[in-house]
Amino acid sequence: MNDTAVIEKIERLARTVQRLESRVEELETREDLWDLEKAIVQNGNQPLVPWNQAKALLDLD
């Protein structure tokens, strides 16, 4: 295999890796959305907690 062929193969592999990384990010985003939707359903009609109160409860201040 000559240098040009090796470089082309590496470039194809790099593009494949980029596509796979994008796909994994899409799947992670979907999973996060599913978790959010599940939490919304589970919480039903419970009142929302204001962000400042949530931060304090979670010690994020």
PDB file of N, CA and C in Angstrom:
ATOM      1  N   MET A   1       0.859  -1.170   0.000  1.00  0.00           N
ATOM      2  CA  MET A   1       0.000   0.000   0.000  1.00  0.00           C
ATOM      3  C   MET A   1       0.907   1.235   0.000  1.00  0.00           C
ATOM      4  N   ASN A   2       0.679   2.143  -0.938  1.00  0.00           N
ATOM      5  CA  ASN A   2       1.517   3.339  -1.003  1.00  0.00           C
ATOM      6  C   ASN A   2       1.033   4.403  -0.024  1.00  0.00           C
ATOM      7  N   ASP A   3       1.826   5.463   0.091  1.00  0.00           N
ATOM      8  CA  ASP A   3       1.512   6.523   1.061  1.00  0.00           C
ATOM      9  C   ASP A   3       0.156   7.164   0.805  1.00  0.00           C
ATOM     10  N   THR A   4      -0.171   7.385  -0.451  1.00  0.00           N
ATOM     11  CA  THR A   4      -1.452   8.003  -0.795  1.00  0.00           C
ATOM     12  C   THR A   4      -2.609   7.126  -0.350  1.00  0.00           C
ATOM     13  N   ALA A   5      -2.501   5.835  -0.573  1.00  0.00           N
ATOM     14  CA  ALA A   5      -3.561   4.904  -0.172  1.00  0.00           C
ATOM     15  C   ALA A   5      -3.708   4.873   1.344  1.00  0.00           C
ATOM     16  N   VAL A   6      -2.590   4.920   2.032  1.00  0.00           N
ATOM     17  CA  VAL A   6      -2.635   4.910   3.504  1.00  0.00           C
ATOM     18  C   VAL A   6      -3.310   6.185   4.008  1.00  0.00           C
ATOM     19  N   ILE A   7      -2.940   7.316   3.434  1.00  0.00           N
ATOM     20  CA  ILE A   7      -3.540   8.593   3.845  1.00  0.00           C
ATOM     21  C   ILE A   7      -5.041   8.593   3.570  1.00  0.00           C
ATOM     22  N   GLU A   8      -5.453   8.094   2.420  1.00  0.00           N
ATOM     23  CA  GLU A   8      -6.878   8.024   2.089  1.00  0.00           C
ATOM     24  C   GLU A   8      -7.618   7.131   3.064  1.00  0.00           C
ATOM     25  N   LYS A   9      -7.008   6.014   3.424  1.00  0.00           N
ATOM     26  CA  LYS A   9      -7.642   5.097   4.372  1.00  0.00           C
ATOM     27  C   LYS A   9      -7.782   5.766   5.739  1.00  0.00           C
ATOM     28  N   ILE A  10      -6.755   6.463   6.162  1.00  0.00           N
ATOM     29  CA  ILE A  10      -6.809   7.167   7.451  1.00  0.00           C
ATOM     30  C   ILE A  10      -7.897   8.235   7.425  1.00  0.00           C
ATOM     31  N   GLU A  11      -8.000   8.960   6.326  1.00  0.00           N
ATOM     32  CA  GLU A  11      -9.040   9.992   6.206  1.00  0.00           C
ATOM     33  C   GLU A  11     -10.426   9.378   6.237  1.00  0.00           C
ATOM     34  N   ARG A  12     -10.618   8.233   5.565  1.00  0.00           N
ATOM     35  CA  ARG A  12     -11.924   7.544   5.605  1.00  0.00           C
ATOM     36  C   ARG A  12     -12.244   7.094   7.025  1.00  0.00           C
ATOM     37  N   LEU A  13     -11.232   6.551   7.692  1.00  0.00           N
ATOM     38  CA  LEU A  13     -11.444   6.108   9.079  1.00  0.00           C
ATOM     39  C   LEU A  13     -11.785   7.301   9.982  1.00  0.00           C
ATOM     40  N   ALA A  14     -11.124   8.423   9.771  1.00  0.00           N
ATOM     41  CA  ALA A  14     -11.403   9.617  10.575  1.00  0.00           C
ATOM     42  C   ALA A  14     -12.832  10.092  10.356  1.00  0.00           C
ATOM     43  N   ARG A  15     -13.289  10.074   9.102  1.00  0.00           N
ATOM     44  CA  ARG A  15     -14.684  10.472   8.817  1.00  0.00           C
ATOM     45  C   ARG A  15     -15.656   9.496   9.476  1.00  0.00           C
ATOM     46  N   THR A  16     -15.327   8.225   9.439  1.00  0.00           N
ATOM     47  CA  THR A  16     -16.192   7.217  10.075  1.00  0.00           C
ATOM     48  C   THR A  16     -16.270   7.456  11.573  1.00  0.00           C
ATOM     49  N   VAL A  17     -15.147   7.728  12.189  1.00  0.00           N
ATOM     50  CA  VAL A  17     -15.129   7.995  13.628  1.00  0.00           C
ATOM     51  C   VAL A  17     -15.963   9.230  13.946  1.00  0.00           C
ATOM     52  N   GLN A  18     -15.844  10.279  13.122  1.00  0.00           N
ATOM     53  CA  GLN A  18     -16.643  11.486  13.340  1.00  0.00           C
ATOM     54  C   GLN A  18     -18.138  11.183  13.259  1.00  0.00           C
ATOM     55  N   ARG A  19     -18.535  10.377  12.273  1.00  0.00           N
ATOM     56  CA  ARG A  19     -19.959  10.016  12.153  1.00  0.00           C
ATOM     57  C   ARG A  19     -20.411   9.216  13.368  1.00  0.00           C
ATOM     58  N   LEU A  20     -19.572   8.305  13.831  1.00  0.00           N
ATOM     59  CA  LEU A  20     -19.931   7.506  15.005  1.00  0.00           C
ATOM     60  C   LEU A  20     -20.036   8.380  16.250  1.00  0.00           C
ATOM     61  N   GLU A  21     -19.125   9.330  16.397  1.00  0.00           N
ATOM     62  CA  GLU A  21     -19.192  10.242  17.543  1.00  0.00           C
ATOM     63  C   GLU A  21     -20.485  11.050  17.518  1.00  0.00           C
ATOM     64  N   SER A  22     -20.864  11.517  16.349  1.00  0.00           N
ATOM     65  CA  SER A  22     -22.111  12.274  16.219  1.00  0.00           C
ATOM     66  C   SER A  22     -23.306  11.416  16.589  1.00  0.00           C
ATOM     67  N   ARG A  23     -23.282  10.180  16.144  1.00  0.00           N
ATOM     68  CA  ARG A  23     -24.396   9.262  16.434  1.00  0.00           C
ATOM     69  C   ARG A  23     -24.509   8.998  17.934  1.00  0.00           C
ATOM     70  N   VAL A  24     -23.377   8.795  18.590  1.00  0.00           N
ATOM     71  CA  VAL A  24     -23.383   8.558  20.037  1.00  0.00           C
ATOM     72  C   VAL A  24     -23.936   9.788  20.757  1.00  0.00           C
ATOM     73  N   GLU A  25     -23.526  10.976  20.322  1.00  0.00           N
ATOM     74  CA  GLU A  25     -24.051  12.206  20.939  1.00  0.00           C
ATOM     75  C   GLU A  25     -25.560  12.306  20.749  1.00  0.00           C
ATOM     76  N   GLU A  26     -26.057  11.941  19.558  1.00  0.00           N
ATOM     77  CA  GLU A  26     -27.507  11.965  19.317  1.00  0.00           C
ATOM     78  C   GLU A  26     -28.219  11.001  20.251  1.00  0.00           C
ATOM     79  N   LEU A  27     -27.655   9.811  20.411  1.00  0.00           N
ATOM     80  CA  LEU A  27     -28.282   8.823  21.294  1.00  0.00           C
ATOM     81  C   LEU A  27     -28.271   9.298  22.741  1.00  0.00           C
ATOM     82  N   GLU A  28     -27.173   9.921  23.172  1.00  0.00           N
ATOM     83  CA  GLU A  28     -27.114  10.432  24.540  1.00  0.00           C
ATOM     84  C   GLU A  28     -28.149  11.518  24.744  1.00  0.00           C
ATOM     85  N   THR A  29     -28.310  12.383  23.742  1.00  0.00           N
ATOM     86  CA  THR A  29     -29.304  13.457  23.833  1.00  0.00           C
ATOM     87  C   THR A  29     -30.707  12.867  23.928  1.00  0.00           C
ATOM     88  N   ARG A  30     -30.981  11.862  23.096  1.00  0.00           N
ATOM     89  CA  ARG A  30     -32.302  11.223  23.155  1.00  0.00           C
ATOM     90  C   ARG A  30     -32.550  10.607  24.521  1.00  0.00           C
ATOM     91  N   GLU A  31     -31.523   9.933  25.063  1.00  0.00           N
ATOM     92  CA  GLU A  31     -31.680   9.308  26.370  1.00  0.00           C
ATOM     93  C   GLU A  31     -31.964  10.367  27.436  1.00  0.00           C
ATOM     94  N   ASP A  32     -31.264  11.500  27.354  1.00  0.00           N
ATOM     95  CA  ASP A  32     -31.515  12.593  28.298  1.00  0.00           C
ATOM     96  C   ASP A  32     -32.947  13.096  28.164  1.00  0.00           C
ATOM     97  N   LEU A  33     -33.429  13.233  26.931  1.00  0.00           N
ATOM     98  CA  LEU A  33     -34.801  13.693  26.719  1.00  0.00           C
ATOM     99  C   LEU A  33     -35.808  12.687  27.252  1.00  0.00           C
ATOM    100  N   TRP A  34     -35.536  11.398  27.041  1.00  0.00           N
ATOM    101  CA  TRP A  34     -36.435  10.372  27.579  1.00  0.00           C
ATOM    102  C   TRP A  34     -36.479  10.452  29.098  1.00  0.00           C
ATOM    103  N   ASP A  35     -35.307  10.644  29.729  1.00  0.00           N
ATOM    104  CA  ASP A  35     -35.259  10.770  31.184  1.00  0.00           C
ATOM    105  C   ASP A  35     -36.057  11.988  31.642  1.00  0.00           C
ATOM    106  N   LEU A  36     -35.925  13.087  30.909  1.00  0.00           N
ATOM    107  CA  LEU A  36     -36.669  14.296  31.256  1.00  0.00           C
ATOM    108  C   LEU A  36     -38.172  14.069  31.125  1.00  0.00           C
ATOM    109  N   GLU A  37     -38.589  13.459  30.010  1.00  0.00           N
ATOM    110  CA  GLU A  37     -40.013  13.189  29.812  1.00  0.00           C
ATOM    111  C   GLU A  37     -40.548  12.250  30.889  1.00  0.00           C
ATOM    112  N   LYS A  38     -39.767  11.255  31.251  1.00  0.00           N
ATOM    113  CA  LYS A  38     -40.163  10.312  32.299  1.00  0.00           C
ATOM    114  C   LYS A  38     -40.335  11.049  33.637  1.00  0.00           C
ATOM    115  N   ALA A  39     -39.403  11.942  33.941  1.00  0.00           N
ATOM    116  CA  ALA A  39     -39.482  12.709  35.194  1.00  0.00           C
ATOM    117  C   ALA A  39     -40.704  13.611  35.202  1.00  0.00           C
ATOM    118  N   ILE A  40     -41.008  14.207  34.056  1.00  0.00           N
ATOM    119  CA  ILE A  40     -42.187  15.078  33.969  1.00  0.00           C
ATOM    120  C   ILE A  40     -43.451  14.276  34.243  1.00  0.00           C
ATOM    121  N   VAL A  41     -43.549  13.090  33.661  1.00  0.00           N
ATOM    122  CA  VAL A  41     -44.724  12.232  33.869  1.00  0.00           C
ATOM    123  C   VAL A  41     -44.807  11.809  35.333  1.00  0.00           C
ATOM    124  N   GLN A  42     -43.670  11.411  35.907  1.00  0.00           N
ATOM    125  CA  GLN A  42     -43.658  10.954  37.297  1.00  0.00           C
ATOM    126  C   GLN A  42     -44.047  12.070  38.264  1.00  0.00           C
ATOM    127  N   ASN A  43     -43.656  13.294  37.943  1.00  0.00           N
ATOM    128  CA  ASN A  43     -43.971  14.415  38.833  1.00  0.00           C
ATOM    129  C   ASN A  43     -45.405  14.885  38.678  1.00  0.00           C
ATOM    130  N   GLY A  44     -46.008  14.521  37.577  1.00  0.00           N
ATOM    131  CA  GLY A  44     -47.409  14.852  37.371  1.00  0.00           C
ATOM    132  C   GLY A  44     -47.701  16.323  37.573  1.00  0.00           C
ATOM    133  N   ASN A  45     -48.642  16.600  38.454  1.00  0.00           N
ATOM    134  CA  ASN A  45     -49.079  17.977  38.680  1.00  0.00           C
ATOM    135  C   ASN A  45     -48.434  18.606  39.901  1.00  0.00           C
ATOM    136  N   GLN A  46     -47.345  18.028  40.373  1.00  0.00           N
ATOM    137  CA  GLN A  46     -46.668  18.610  41.529  1.00  0.00           C
ATOM    138  C   GLN A  46     -46.150  19.999  41.155  1.00  0.00           C
ATOM    139  N   PRO A  47     -46.167  20.918  42.099  1.00  0.00           N
ATOM    140  CA  PRO A  47     -45.688  22.269  41.797  1.00  0.00           C
ATOM    141  C   PRO A  47     -44.185  22.255  41.497  1.00  0.00           C
ATOM    142  N   LEU A  48     -43.767  23.177  40.633  1.00  0.00           N
ATOM    143  CA  LEU A  48     -42.360  23.302  40.296  1.00  0.00           C
ATOM    144  C   LEU A  48     -41.598  23.941  41.446  1.00  0.00           C
ATOM    145  N   VAL A  49     -40.333  23.624  41.553  1.00  0.00           N
ATOM    146  CA  VAL A  49     -39.468  24.215  42.564  1.00  0.00           C
ATOM    147  C   VAL A  49     -38.676  25.332  41.892  1.00  0.00           C
ATOM    148  N   PRO A  50     -38.717  26.530  42.431  1.00  0.00           N
ATOM    149  CA  PRO A  50     -37.940  27.626  41.842  1.00  0.00           C
ATOM    150  C   PRO A  50     -36.448  27.279  41.801  1.00  0.00           C
ATOM    151  N   TRP A  51     -35.759  27.751  40.757  1.00  0.00           N
ATOM    152  CA  TRP A  51     -34.355  27.402  40.547  1.00  0.00           C
ATOM    153  C   TRP A  51     -33.503  27.762  41.766  1.00  0.00           C
ATOM    154  N   ASN A  52     -33.703  28.922  42.351  1.00  0.00           N
ATOM    155  CA  ASN A  52     -32.898  29.314  43.517  1.00  0.00           C
ATOM    156  C   ASN A  52     -33.091  28.344  44.679  1.00  0.00           C
ATOM    157  N   GLN A  53     -34.310  27.893  44.864  1.00  0.00           N
ATOM    158  CA  GLN A  53     -34.596  26.929  45.938  1.00  0.00           C
ATOM    159  C   GLN A  53     -33.966  25.579  45.605  1.00  0.00           C
ATOM    160  N   ALA A  54     -34.045  25.158  44.348  1.00  0.00           N
ATOM    161  CA  ALA A  54     -33.448  23.883  43.936  1.00  0.00           C
ATOM    162  C   ALA A  54     -31.935  23.914  44.130  1.00  0.00           C
ATOM    163  N   LYS A  55     -31.306  25.024  43.757  1.00  0.00           N
ATOM    164  CA  LYS A  55     -29.857  25.152  43.940  1.00  0.00           C
ATOM    165  C   LYS A  55     -29.495  25.020  45.414  1.00  0.00           C
ATOM    166  N   ALA A  56     -30.275  25.669  46.258  1.00  0.00           N
ATOM    167  CA  ALA A  56     -29.993  25.612  47.693  1.00  0.00           C
ATOM    168  C   ALA A  56     -30.172  24.184  48.208  1.00  0.00           C
ATOM    169  N   LEU A  57     -31.243  23.519  47.782  1.00  0.00           N
ATOM    170  CA  LEU A  57     -31.485  22.141  48.223  1.00  0.00           C
ATOM    171  C   LEU A  57     -30.373  21.188  47.780  1.00  0.00           C
ATOM    172  N   LEU A  58     -29.818  21.458  46.620  1.00  0.00           N
ATOM    173  CA  LEU A  58     -28.764  20.605  46.080  1.00  0.00           C
ATOM    174  C   LEU A  58     -27.361  21.088  46.427  1.00  0.00           C
ATOM    175  N   ASP A  59     -27.289  22.112  47.235  1.00  0.00           N
ATOM    176  CA  ASP A  59     -26.001  22.693  47.636  1.00  0.00           C
ATOM    177  C   ASP A  59     -25.155  23.141  46.451  1.00  0.00           C
ATOM    178  N   LEU A  60     -25.805  23.820  45.504  1.00  0.00           N
ATOM    179  CA  LEU A  60     -25.112  24.278  44.300  1.00  0.00           C
ATOM    180  C   LEU A  60     -24.750  25.752  44.361  1.00  0.00           C
ATOM    181  N   ASP A  61     -25.062  26.392  45.462  1.00  0.00           N
ATOM    182  CA  ASP A  61     -24.744  27.834  45.590  1.00  0.00           C
ATOM    183  C   ASP A  61     -23.272  28.036  45.778  1.00  0.00           C
TER     184      ASP A  61
END
